[in-house]
Amino acid sequence: MAEPESTIINTDVKQKDPSEALVIAVTTRAIFNLEEEHKLYLEKGKEEYTRYQQANQDKPLPPGTAFAFIQAVQHVNEKILESNPAEKDLFDILVLSNNSPESSVRIVNSAKHYGLEISKFCFVSDKDSTQYLKSHGVKLFLSADRIDVCNALRRGVSAALVFQQEVQAPSTPLRVVFDGDAVLFSNETDQVFQEQGLEGAVQYEQAMEAVPMGEGPLKAFAVHLGKIRKKFSQEKSPIRTYLVTARSGQDMGIRAIKTLREWGLAIDEAFFMGGAPKGPILAQIQPHIFFDDGLHNIQGAQDVGVPSAWVPSCC
């Protein structure tokens, strides 16, 4: 497959082996706040947008929703290399953008300004940039464009839609929160719930307790994240992972725990909310990113300042 129109290799950053690294691709609007510029693009067109970006190429863009997540990922790499300088199982970050190469300088300069260790910048003019995800070995794709996210999910890549919001950068360690059904797990139980209600879903879970759930769209990313997590002891780990699910622990928690065990996926903390709002517990965890398929849960997270990424199940 052909490379994007313009791929800029960041020679200031150690290049990773994509066959071994956990490759995360972010769009420019996910990692930086480009809302003003995007509005200009929609209202005035590509040429005016390009002129504006060129005129402001030395003005750093403000951080976006995924910015703190990428910084925390970078910190994990530092900790891994401190203990083993030859380690290849690292996080590898690349930026994918539908911007033209002519407007790319400001993006590259902004990343350098903040000291972000981005290996590659891929600029694709007026094309579906997700066609390049698999060729780069991408395991997680974060975008502010729903069509891009749906395209990535259809291609079998873990992906989520980030909503632009003001984010207070939390401290390390890297904290990642996953929802269960339709995110880590398949949506099989959600479908039973829609058709038969809560009682039917509980009966289904009890009958299927010994059978692991199907894989959800973020399972592959979570498993690789867990693999990196296992390089450290519980006390010294720069990664903490959480399951925050609407499931009730008493009636529907056992199968979830057994499925995680079957996958070899260790979760640091699990919260079975029984349908209660997730906002308060997320405010306490203060994750760098929270993945959920429910827009009401995303809104609740945003209300408490938690960077959120929606995993659409209705593409």
C-alpha atoms as a PDB file:
ATOM      1  CA  MET A   1       0.000   0.000   0.000  1.00  0.00           C
ATOM      2  CA  ALA A   2       1.247   3.469  -0.838  1.00  0.00           C
ATOM      3  CA  GLU A   3       2.428   5.788   1.889  1.00  0.00           C
ATOM      4  CA  PRO A   4       0.429   8.952   2.611  1.00  0.00           C
ATOM      5  CA  GLU A   5       1.163  11.959   0.414  1.00  0.00           C
ATOM      6  CA  SER A   6       3.542  13.373   2.981  1.00  0.00           C
ATOM      7  CA  THR A   7       5.128  11.423   5.821  1.00  0.00           C
ATOM      8  CA  ILE A   8       7.528  13.373   8.008  1.00  0.00           C
ATOM      9  CA  ILE A   9       9.861  11.220  10.102  1.00  0.00           C
ATOM     10  CA  ASN A  10      10.788  12.948  13.343  1.00  0.00           C
ATOM     11  CA  THR A  11      14.551  12.416  13.494  1.00  0.00           C
ATOM     12  CA  ASP A  12      14.665  13.861  17.022  1.00  0.00           C
ATOM     13  CA  VAL A  13      12.759  10.816  18.314  1.00  0.00           C
ATOM     14  CA  LYS A  14      13.908   7.211  18.538  1.00  0.00           C
ATOM     15  CA  GLN A  15      12.019   5.282  15.850  1.00  0.00           C
ATOM     16  CA  LYS A  16      10.227   2.173  17.119  1.00  0.00           C
ATOM     17  CA  ASP A  17       9.546  -1.166  15.465  1.00  0.00           C
ATOM     18  CA  PRO A  18       5.773  -1.102  14.726  1.00  0.00           C
ATOM     19  CA  SER A  19       5.650  -4.898  14.821  1.00  0.00           C
ATOM     20  CA  GLU A  20       6.606  -4.788  18.520  1.00  0.00           C
ATOM     21  CA  ALA A  21       5.467  -1.356  19.720  1.00  0.00           C
ATOM     22  CA  LEU A  22       1.980  -0.313  20.779  1.00  0.00           C
ATOM     23  CA  VAL A  23       1.289   2.185  17.999  1.00  0.00           C
ATOM     24  CA  ILE A  24      -1.193   4.966  18.779  1.00  0.00           C
ATOM     25  CA  ALA A  25      -2.358   7.275  16.003  1.00  0.00           C
ATOM     26  CA  VAL A  26      -3.959  10.609  16.890  1.00  0.00           C
ATOM     27  CA  THR A  27      -5.390  13.237  14.595  1.00  0.00           C
ATOM     28  CA  THR A  28      -4.297  16.836  14.937  1.00  0.00           C
ATOM     29  CA  ARG A  29      -7.715  17.860  16.293  1.00  0.00           C
ATOM     30  CA  ALA A  30      -7.498  15.146  18.980  1.00  0.00           C
ATOM     31  CA  ILE A  31      -4.087  16.123  20.320  1.00  0.00           C
ATOM     32  CA  PHE A  32      -4.334  19.901  19.778  1.00  0.00           C
ATOM     33  CA  ASN A  33      -7.194  22.363  20.142  1.00  0.00           C
ATOM     34  CA  LEU A  34      -7.882  23.348  16.540  1.00  0.00           C
ATOM     35  CA  GLU A  35     -11.512  24.356  16.965  1.00  0.00           C
ATOM     36  CA  GLU A  36     -10.957  27.954  15.775  1.00  0.00           C
ATOM     37  CA  GLU A  37      -8.939  26.765  12.811  1.00  0.00           C
ATOM     38  CA  HIS A  38     -11.473  24.065  11.952  1.00  0.00           C
ATOM     39  CA  LYS A  39     -14.264  26.632  12.028  1.00  0.00           C
ATOM     40  CA  LEU A  40     -12.226  28.781   9.621  1.00  0.00           C
ATOM     41  CA  TYR A  41     -11.781  25.765   7.328  1.00  0.00           C
ATOM     42  CA  LEU A  42     -15.524  25.052   7.282  1.00  0.00           C
ATOM     43  CA  GLU A  43     -16.529  28.689   6.752  1.00  0.00           C
ATOM     44  CA  LYS A  44     -13.778  30.025   4.477  1.00  0.00           C
ATOM     45  CA  GLY A  45     -12.387  26.915   2.802  1.00  0.00           C
ATOM     46  CA  LYS A  46      -9.095  25.108   2.477  1.00  0.00           C
ATOM     47  CA  GLU A  47      -7.047  27.916   0.909  1.00  0.00           C
ATOM     48  CA  GLU A  48      -7.868  30.439   3.632  1.00  0.00           C
ATOM     49  CA  TYR A  49      -7.205  27.799   6.284  1.00  0.00           C
ATOM     50  CA  THR A  50      -3.814  26.960   4.754  1.00  0.00           C
ATOM     51  CA  ARG A  51      -2.846  30.638   4.594  1.00  0.00           C
ATOM     52  CA  TYR A  52      -3.795  31.090   8.246  1.00  0.00           C
ATOM     53  CA  GLN A  53      -1.768  28.059   9.361  1.00  0.00           C
ATOM     54  CA  GLN A  54       1.260  29.203   7.381  1.00  0.00           C
ATOM     55  CA  ALA A  55       1.034  32.727   8.822  1.00  0.00           C
ATOM     56  CA  ASN A  56       0.881  31.258  12.347  1.00  0.00           C
ATOM     57  CA  GLN A  57       3.328  28.401  11.880  1.00  0.00           C
ATOM     58  CA  ASP A  58       5.520  29.522  14.796  1.00  0.00           C
ATOM     59  CA  LYS A  59       2.577  29.958  17.198  1.00  0.00           C
ATOM     60  CA  PRO A  60       2.104  26.728  19.230  1.00  0.00           C
ATOM     61  CA  LEU A  61      -1.384  25.267  19.198  1.00  0.00           C
ATOM     62  CA  PRO A  62      -3.051  24.850  22.605  1.00  0.00           C
ATOM     63  CA  PRO A  63      -3.354  21.293  23.980  1.00  0.00           C
ATOM     64  CA  GLY A  64      -6.382  19.217  22.981  1.00  0.00           C
ATOM     65  CA  THR A  65      -8.305  16.454  24.738  1.00  0.00           C
ATOM     66  CA  ALA A  66      -5.794  13.655  24.025  1.00  0.00           C
ATOM     67  CA  PHE A  67      -2.738  15.778  24.864  1.00  0.00           C
ATOM     68  CA  ALA A  68      -2.370  14.708  28.519  1.00  0.00           C
ATOM     69  CA  PHE A  69      -2.867  11.063  27.518  1.00  0.00           C
ATOM     70  CA  ILE A  70       0.005  11.274  25.015  1.00  0.00           C
ATOM     71  CA  GLN A  71       2.236  12.999  27.579  1.00  0.00           C
ATOM     72  CA  ALA A  72       1.507  10.253  30.134  1.00  0.00           C
ATOM     73  CA  VAL A  73       2.240   7.567  27.520  1.00  0.00           C
ATOM     74  CA  GLN A  74       5.575   9.269  26.877  1.00  0.00           C
ATOM     75  CA  HIS A  75       6.355   9.101  30.607  1.00  0.00           C
ATOM     76  CA  VAL A  76       5.737   5.324  30.542  1.00  0.00           C
ATOM     77  CA  ASN A  77       8.279   4.964  27.715  1.00  0.00           C
ATOM     78  CA  GLU A  78      10.836   6.823  29.821  1.00  0.00           C
ATOM     79  CA  LYS A  79      10.257   4.451  32.746  1.00  0.00           C
ATOM     80  CA  ILE A  80      10.516   1.370  30.512  1.00  0.00           C
ATOM     81  CA  LEU A  81      13.816   2.535  28.992  1.00  0.00           C
ATOM     82  CA  GLU A  82      15.209   3.395  32.443  1.00  0.00           C
ATOM     83  CA  SER A  83      14.875  -0.266  33.435  1.00  0.00           C
ATOM     84  CA  ASN A  84      15.795  -1.719  30.024  1.00  0.00           C
ATOM     85  CA  PRO A  85      17.386   0.580  27.396  1.00  0.00           C
ATOM     86  CA  ALA A  86      17.072  -2.175  24.753  1.00  0.00           C
ATOM     87  CA  GLU A  87      13.311  -2.689  25.240  1.00  0.00           C
ATOM     88  CA  LYS A  88      11.315  -2.565  21.982  1.00  0.00           C
ATOM     89  CA  ASP A  89       7.820  -3.030  23.393  1.00  0.00           C
ATOM     90  CA  LEU A  90       7.163   0.699  23.757  1.00  0.00           C
ATOM     91  CA  PHE A  91       4.412   3.149  22.917  1.00  0.00           C
ATOM     92  CA  ASP A  92       4.860   4.658  19.450  1.00  0.00           C
ATOM     93  CA  ILE A  93       2.912   7.820  18.619  1.00  0.00           C
ATOM     94  CA  LEU A  94       2.103   9.071  15.134  1.00  0.00           C
ATOM     95  CA  VAL A  95      -0.053  11.962  14.010  1.00  0.00           C
ATOM     96  CA  LEU A  96      -2.481  11.448  11.149  1.00  0.00           C
ATOM     97  CA  SER A  97      -4.079  14.432   9.506  1.00  0.00           C
ATOM     98  CA  ASN A  98      -6.313  15.254   6.564  1.00  0.00           C
ATOM     99  CA  ASN A  99      -4.548  18.621   6.394  1.00  0.00           C
ATOM    100  CA  SER A 100      -2.516  19.362   3.324  1.00  0.00           C
ATOM    101  CA  PRO A 101       1.267  19.127   3.670  1.00  0.00           C
ATOM    102  CA  GLU A 102       1.389  22.919   3.102  1.00  0.00           C
ATOM    103  CA  SER A 103      -0.317  23.536   6.447  1.00  0.00           C
ATOM    104  CA  SER A 104       1.681  20.911   8.327  1.00  0.00           C
ATOM    105  CA  VAL A 105       4.543  23.040   9.645  1.00  0.00           C
ATOM    106  CA  ARG A 106       2.511  24.460  12.527  1.00  0.00           C
ATOM    107  CA  ILE A 107       1.551  20.943  13.661  1.00  0.00           C
ATOM    108  CA  VAL A 108       5.176  19.742  13.680  1.00  0.00           C
ATOM    109  CA  ASN A 109       6.376  22.917  15.402  1.00  0.00           C
ATOM    110  CA  SER A 110       3.691  22.593  18.097  1.00  0.00           C
ATOM    111  CA  ALA A 111       4.708  19.015  18.873  1.00  0.00           C
ATOM    112  CA  LYS A 112       8.358  20.052  19.160  1.00  0.00           C
ATOM    113  CA  HIS A 113       7.413  23.042  21.325  1.00  0.00           C
ATOM    114  CA  TYR A 114       5.799  20.729  23.898  1.00  0.00           C
ATOM    115  CA  GLY A 115       8.521  18.088  23.635  1.00  0.00           C
ATOM    116  CA  LEU A 116       6.109  15.432  22.375  1.00  0.00           C
ATOM    117  CA  GLU A 117       7.855  12.291  21.167  1.00  0.00           C
ATOM    118  CA  ILE A 118       5.890  11.777  17.962  1.00  0.00           C
ATOM    119  CA  SER A 119       7.677   9.403  15.595  1.00  0.00           C
ATOM    120  CA  LYS A 120       5.865  10.285  12.375  1.00  0.00           C
ATOM    121  CA  PHE A 121       3.551  12.951  11.003  1.00  0.00           C
ATOM    122  CA  CYS A 122       1.364  11.709   8.139  1.00  0.00           C
ATOM    123  CA  PHE A 123      -0.473  14.387   6.157  1.00  0.00           C
ATOM    124  CA  VAL A 124      -3.101  13.221   3.697  1.00  0.00           C
ATOM    125  CA  SER A 125      -4.928  15.746   1.528  1.00  0.00           C
ATOM    126  CA  ASP A 126      -8.661  15.129   1.014  1.00  0.00           C
ATOM    127  CA  LYS A 127      -8.467  11.370   1.551  1.00  0.00           C
ATOM    128  CA  ASP A 128      -9.615   8.772   4.048  1.00  0.00           C
ATOM    129  CA  SER A 129      -6.527   8.734   6.247  1.00  0.00           C
ATOM    130  CA  THR A 130      -7.676   5.581   8.051  1.00  0.00           C
ATOM    131  CA  GLN A 131      -6.610   3.497   5.044  1.00  0.00           C
ATOM    132  CA  TYR A 132      -3.033   3.881   6.315  1.00  0.00           C
ATOM    133  CA  LEU A 133      -3.651   2.697   9.888  1.00  0.00           C
ATOM    134  CA  LYS A 134      -2.977  -0.999   9.327  1.00  0.00           C
ATOM    135  CA  SER A 135       0.159  -0.369   7.261  1.00  0.00           C
ATOM    136  CA  HIS A 136       1.585   1.550  10.236  1.00  0.00           C
ATOM    137  CA  GLY A 137       0.593  -1.191  12.705  1.00  0.00           C
ATOM    138  CA  VAL A 138      -1.794   1.120  14.597  1.00  0.00           C
ATOM    139  CA  LYS A 139      -3.428  -0.438  17.693  1.00  0.00           C
ATOM    140  CA  LEU A 140      -5.421   2.637  18.795  1.00  0.00           C
ATOM    141  CA  PHE A 141      -6.761   5.538  16.743  1.00  0.00           C
ATOM    142  CA  LEU A 142      -8.103   8.726  18.365  1.00  0.00           C
ATOM    143  CA  SER A 143      -9.909  11.263  16.216  1.00  0.00           C
ATOM    144  CA  ALA A 144     -12.314  14.195  16.552  1.00  0.00           C
ATOM    145  CA  ASP A 145     -14.139  13.058  13.393  1.00  0.00           C
ATOM    146  CA  ARG A 146     -16.860  10.416  13.704  1.00  0.00           C
ATOM    147  CA  ILE A 147     -16.545   9.241  10.088  1.00  0.00           C
ATOM    148  CA  ASP A 148     -12.823   8.605  10.621  1.00  0.00           C
ATOM    149  CA  VAL A 149     -13.524   6.619  13.805  1.00  0.00           C
ATOM    150  CA  CYS A 150     -16.221   4.507  12.130  1.00  0.00           C
ATOM    151  CA  ASN A 151     -13.924   3.843   9.161  1.00  0.00           C
ATOM    152  CA  ALA A 152     -11.153   2.724  11.533  1.00  0.00           C
ATOM    153  CA  LEU A 153     -13.498   0.427  13.485  1.00  0.00           C
ATOM    154  CA  ARG A 154     -14.661  -1.138  10.214  1.00  0.00           C
ATOM    155  CA  ARG A 155     -11.016  -1.794   9.374  1.00  0.00           C
ATOM    156  CA  GLY A 156     -10.644  -3.683  12.659  1.00  0.00           C
ATOM    157  CA  VAL A 157      -8.615  -0.991  14.476  1.00  0.00           C
ATOM    158  CA  SER A 158      -9.433   0.028  18.071  1.00  0.00           C
ATOM    159  CA  ALA A 159     -10.720   3.587  17.724  1.00  0.00           C
ATOM    160  CA  ALA A 160     -12.635   6.261  19.632  1.00  0.00           C
ATOM    161  CA  LEU A 161     -14.015   9.753  19.097  1.00  0.00           C
ATOM    162  CA  VAL A 162     -12.634  12.486  21.344  1.00  0.00           C
ATOM    163  CA  PHE A 163     -14.673  15.592  22.131  1.00  0.00           C
ATOM    164  CA  GLN A 164     -12.818  18.859  22.520  1.00  0.00           C
ATOM    165  CA  GLN A 165     -12.861  20.018  26.119  1.00  0.00           C
ATOM    166  CA  GLU A 166     -10.746  21.868  28.644  1.00  0.00           C
ATOM    167  CA  VAL A 167      -8.557  19.283  30.337  1.00  0.00           C
ATOM    168  CA  GLN A 168      -6.520  19.655  33.487  1.00  0.00           C
ATOM    169  CA  ALA A 169      -3.441  17.524  32.898  1.00  0.00           C
ATOM    170  CA  PRO A 170      -3.443  14.963  35.724  1.00  0.00           C
ATOM    171  CA  SER A 171      -0.205  13.722  37.180  1.00  0.00           C
ATOM    172  CA  THR A 172       1.393  10.383  36.420  1.00  0.00           C
ATOM    173  CA  PRO A 173       0.916   7.405  36.383  1.00  0.00           C
ATOM    174  CA  LEU A 174      -0.926   6.831  33.119  1.00  0.00           C
ATOM    175  CA  ARG A 175      -4.549   6.101  34.067  1.00  0.00           C
ATOM    176  CA  VAL A 176      -6.879   4.515  31.516  1.00  0.00           C
ATOM    177  CA  VAL A 177     -10.533   3.702  32.224  1.00  0.00           C
ATOM    178  CA  PHE A 178     -12.534   1.274  30.097  1.00  0.00           C
ATOM    179  CA  ASP A 179     -16.250   0.636  30.019  1.00  0.00           C
ATOM    180  CA  GLY A 180     -17.168  -3.045  29.699  1.00  0.00           C
ATOM    181  CA  ASP A 181     -19.939  -3.947  27.257  1.00  0.00           C
ATOM    182  CA  ALA A 182     -19.440  -2.741  23.663  1.00  0.00           C
ATOM    183  CA  VAL A 183     -15.963  -1.417  24.586  1.00  0.00           C
ATOM    184  CA  LEU A 184     -13.776  -4.154  26.124  1.00  0.00           C
ATOM    185  CA  PHE A 185     -16.430  -6.822  25.595  1.00  0.00           C
ATOM    186  CA  SER A 186     -18.833  -7.423  22.730  1.00  0.00           C
ATOM    187  CA  ASN A 187     -22.331  -5.929  22.898  1.00  0.00           C
ATOM    188  CA  GLU A 188     -24.066  -9.340  23.170  1.00  0.00           C
ATOM    189  CA  THR A 189     -25.479  -8.673  26.652  1.00  0.00           C
ATOM    190  CA  ASP A 190     -26.537  -5.144  25.667  1.00  0.00           C
ATOM    191  CA  GLN A 191     -28.576  -6.669  22.836  1.00  0.00           C
ATOM    192  CA  VAL A 192     -30.243  -9.115  25.232  1.00  0.00           C
ATOM    193  CA  PHE A 193     -30.998  -6.187  27.564  1.00  0.00           C
ATOM    194  CA  GLN A 194     -32.609  -4.226  24.702  1.00  0.00           C
ATOM    195  CA  GLU A 195     -34.766  -7.196  23.718  1.00  0.00           C
ATOM    196  CA  GLN A 196     -35.608  -8.772  27.094  1.00  0.00           C
ATOM    197  CA  GLY A 197     -34.929  -6.102  29.716  1.00  0.00           C
ATOM    198  CA  LEU A 198     -32.765  -6.283  32.830  1.00  0.00           C
ATOM    199  CA  GLU A 199     -34.205  -9.560  34.120  1.00  0.00           C
ATOM    200  CA  GLY A 200     -33.554 -11.251  30.777  1.00  0.00           C
ATOM    201  CA  ALA A 201     -29.987  -9.900  30.684  1.00  0.00           C
ATOM    202  CA  VAL A 202     -29.269 -11.152  34.223  1.00  0.00           C
ATOM    203  CA  GLN A 203     -30.619 -14.616  33.382  1.00  0.00           C
ATOM    204  CA  TYR A 204     -28.534 -14.671  30.193  1.00  0.00           C
ATOM    205  CA  GLU A 205     -25.371 -13.736  32.098  1.00  0.00           C
ATOM    206  CA  GLN A 206     -25.976 -16.377  34.739  1.00  0.00           C
ATOM    207  CA  ALA A 207     -26.536 -19.041  32.072  1.00  0.00           C
ATOM    208  CA  MET A 208     -23.383 -17.951  30.199  1.00  0.00           C
ATOM    209  CA  GLU A 209     -21.231 -17.397  33.305  1.00  0.00           C
ATOM    210  CA  ALA A 210     -18.595 -19.970  32.313  1.00  0.00           C
ATOM    211  CA  VAL A 211     -18.381 -18.742  28.685  1.00  0.00           C
ATOM    212  CA  PRO A 212     -16.012 -15.792  28.036  1.00  0.00           C
ATOM    213  CA  MET A 213     -17.638 -12.800  26.386  1.00  0.00           C
ATOM    214  CA  GLY A 214     -16.816 -11.874  22.829  1.00  0.00           C
ATOM    215  CA  GLU A 215     -14.159  -9.280  22.030  1.00  0.00           C
ATOM    216  CA  GLY A 216     -15.115  -5.625  22.005  1.00  0.00           C
ATOM    217  CA  PRO A 217     -13.589  -2.933  19.760  1.00  0.00           C
ATOM    218  CA  LEU A 218     -10.926  -1.908  22.318  1.00  0.00           C
ATOM    219  CA  LYS A 219      -9.927  -5.370  23.495  1.00  0.00           C
ATOM    220  CA  ALA A 220      -6.765  -5.591  21.333  1.00  0.00           C
ATOM    221  CA  PHE A 221      -5.504  -2.222  22.614  1.00  0.00           C
ATOM    222  CA  ALA A 222      -6.315  -3.095  26.232  1.00  0.00           C
ATOM    223  CA  VAL A 223      -4.498  -6.432  26.029  1.00  0.00           C
ATOM    224  CA  HIS A 224      -1.328  -4.830  24.612  1.00  0.00           C
ATOM    225  CA  LEU A 225      -1.554  -2.110  27.268  1.00  0.00           C
ATOM    226  CA  GLY A 226      -1.833  -4.861  29.885  1.00  0.00           C
ATOM    227  CA  LYS A 227       1.216  -6.581  28.415  1.00  0.00           C
ATOM    228  CA  ILE A 228       3.275  -3.407  28.923  1.00  0.00           C
ATOM    229  CA  ARG A 229       1.757  -3.003  32.399  1.00  0.00           C
ATOM    230  CA  LYS A 230       3.134  -6.440  33.385  1.00  0.00           C
ATOM    231  CA  LYS A 231       6.739  -5.237  32.902  1.00  0.00           C
ATOM    232  CA  PHE A 232       6.414  -3.499  36.271  1.00  0.00           C
ATOM    233  CA  SER A 233       5.515  -4.552  39.776  1.00  0.00           C
ATOM    234  CA  GLN A 234       2.153  -3.397  41.142  1.00  0.00           C
ATOM    235  CA  GLU A 235       3.835  -0.783  43.361  1.00  0.00           C
ATOM    236  CA  LYS A 236       6.173   0.698  40.731  1.00  0.00           C
ATOM    237  CA  SER A 237       3.964   0.551  37.657  1.00  0.00           C
ATOM    238  CA  PRO A 238       3.608   3.816  35.669  1.00  0.00           C
ATOM    239  CA  ILE A 239       0.291   2.445  34.302  1.00  0.00           C
ATOM    240  CA  ARG A 240      -3.017   1.911  36.074  1.00  0.00           C
ATOM    241  CA  THR A 241      -6.052   0.449  34.334  1.00  0.00           C
ATOM    242  CA  TYR A 242      -9.665   0.482  35.466  1.00  0.00           C
ATOM    243  CA  LEU A 243     -12.980  -1.101  34.511  1.00  0.00           C
ATOM    244  CA  VAL A 244     -15.966   1.135  35.230  1.00  0.00           C
ATOM    245  CA  THR A 245     -19.101  -0.607  34.036  1.00  0.00           C
ATOM    246  CA  ALA A 246     -22.849  -0.119  34.428  1.00  0.00           C
ATOM    247  CA  ARG A 247     -23.093  -3.831  35.250  1.00  0.00           C
ATOM    248  CA  SER A 248     -24.130  -4.888  38.733  1.00  0.00           C
ATOM    249  CA  GLY A 249     -21.351  -6.732  40.520  1.00  0.00           C
ATOM    250  CA  GLN A 250     -23.728  -9.124  42.264  1.00  0.00           C
ATOM    251  CA  ASP A 251     -25.704 -10.269  39.206  1.00  0.00           C
ATOM    252  CA  MET A 252     -23.451  -9.590  36.219  1.00  0.00           C
ATOM    253  CA  GLY A 253     -19.921  -9.072  37.505  1.00  0.00           C
ATOM    254  CA  ILE A 254     -18.675 -12.662  37.666  1.00  0.00           C
ATOM    255  CA  ARG A 255     -18.695 -13.252  33.908  1.00  0.00           C
ATOM    256  CA  ALA A 256     -16.850  -9.981  33.279  1.00  0.00           C
ATOM    257  CA  ILE A 257     -14.109 -10.919  35.764  1.00  0.00           C
ATOM    258  CA  LYS A 258     -13.826 -14.433  34.354  1.00  0.00           C
ATOM    259  CA  THR A 259     -13.532 -13.045  30.818  1.00  0.00           C
ATOM    260  CA  LEU A 260     -10.698 -10.716  31.814  1.00  0.00           C
ATOM    261  CA  ARG A 261      -8.961 -13.628  33.515  1.00  0.00           C
ATOM    262  CA  GLU A 262      -9.386 -15.784  30.396  1.00  0.00           C
ATOM    263  CA  TRP A 263      -7.786 -13.027  28.304  1.00  0.00           C
ATOM    264  CA  GLY A 264      -4.914 -12.659  30.774  1.00  0.00           C
ATOM    265  CA  LEU A 265      -5.879  -9.005  31.173  1.00  0.00           C
ATOM    266  CA  ALA A 266      -5.132  -7.710  34.672  1.00  0.00           C
ATOM    267  CA  ILE A 267      -7.197  -4.659  35.665  1.00  0.00           C
ATOM    268  CA  ASP A 268      -6.006  -2.684  38.690  1.00  0.00           C
ATOM    269  CA  GLU A 269      -9.477  -1.703  39.879  1.00  0.00           C
ATOM    270  CA  ALA A 270     -12.998  -2.645  38.790  1.00  0.00           C
ATOM    271  CA  PHE A 271     -16.161  -0.709  39.636  1.00  0.00           C
ATOM    272  CA  PHE A 272     -19.567  -2.291  39.017  1.00  0.00           C
ATOM    273  CA  MET A 273     -21.889   0.692  39.125  1.00  0.00           C
ATOM    274  CA  GLY A 274     -25.248  -1.082  38.852  1.00  0.00           C
ATOM    275  CA  GLY A 275     -26.511   1.694  36.584  1.00  0.00           C
ATOM    276  CA  ALA A 276     -25.375   4.566  38.848  1.00  0.00           C
ATOM    277  CA  PRO A 277     -23.720   7.620  37.239  1.00  0.00           C
ATOM    278  CA  LYS A 278     -20.027   7.139  36.484  1.00  0.00           C
ATOM    279  CA  GLY A 279     -19.033  10.800  36.881  1.00  0.00           C
ATOM    280  CA  PRO A 280     -18.273  10.756  40.635  1.00  0.00           C
ATOM    281  CA  ILE A 281     -15.941   7.728  40.494  1.00  0.00           C
ATOM    282  CA  LEU A 282     -14.242   9.106  37.356  1.00  0.00           C
ATOM    283  CA  ALA A 283     -13.672  12.407  39.174  1.00  0.00           C
ATOM    284  CA  GLN A 284     -11.914  10.444  41.900  1.00  0.00           C
ATOM    285  CA  ILE A 285      -9.783   8.365  39.485  1.00  0.00           C
ATOM    286  CA  GLN A 286      -8.865  11.387  37.316  1.00  0.00           C
ATOM    287  CA  PRO A 287      -7.948   9.297  34.256  1.00  0.00           C
ATOM    288  CA  HIS A 288      -5.988  10.563  31.272  1.00  0.00           C
ATOM    289  CA  ILE A 289      -8.664   8.989  29.084  1.00  0.00           C
ATOM    290  CA  PHE A 290     -12.034   7.270  29.584  1.00  0.00           C
ATOM    291  CA  PHE A 291     -13.522   5.005  26.902  1.00  0.00           C
ATOM    292  CA  ASP A 292     -17.291   4.397  26.825  1.00  0.00           C
ATOM    293  CA  ASP A 293     -19.978   3.607  24.249  1.00  0.00           C
ATOM    294  CA  GLY A 294     -22.702   5.597  26.015  1.00  0.00           C
ATOM    295  CA  LEU A 295     -22.947   9.298  25.189  1.00  0.00           C
ATOM    296  CA  HIS A 296     -24.663   9.956  28.533  1.00  0.00           C
ATOM    297  CA  ASN A 297     -21.600   8.524  30.295  1.00  0.00           C
ATOM    298  CA  ILE A 298     -19.301  10.621  28.102  1.00  0.00           C
ATOM    299  CA  GLN A 299     -21.299  13.730  29.057  1.00  0.00           C
ATOM    300  CA  GLY A 300     -21.096  12.798  32.736  1.00  0.00           C
ATOM    301  CA  ALA A 301     -17.328  12.435  32.433  1.00  0.00           C
ATOM    302  CA  GLN A 302     -16.992  15.762  30.648  1.00  0.00           C
ATOM    303  CA  ASP A 303     -19.039  17.442  33.361  1.00  0.00           C
ATOM    304  CA  VAL A 304     -16.318  16.519  35.886  1.00  0.00           C
ATOM    305  CA  GLY A 305     -13.439  17.460  33.547  1.00  0.00           C
ATOM    306  CA  VAL A 306     -12.416  13.923  32.542  1.00  0.00           C
ATOM    307  CA  PRO A 307     -10.979  13.516  29.003  1.00  0.00           C
ATOM    308  CA  SER A 308     -13.378  11.190  27.246  1.00  0.00           C
ATOM    309  CA  ALA A 309     -13.445   9.085  24.089  1.00  0.00           C
ATOM    310  CA  TRP A 310     -16.668   7.682  22.654  1.00  0.00           C
ATOM    311  CA  VAL A 311     -16.628   4.221  21.061  1.00  0.00           C
ATOM    312  CA  PRO A 312     -19.639   4.314  18.711  1.00  0.00           C
ATOM    313  CA  SER A 313     -21.515   1.053  18.287  1.00  0.00           C
ATOM    314  CA  CYS A 314     -23.825   2.480  15.620  1.00  0.00           C
ATOM    315  CA  CYS A 315     -21.481   3.331  12.753  1.00  0.00           C
END
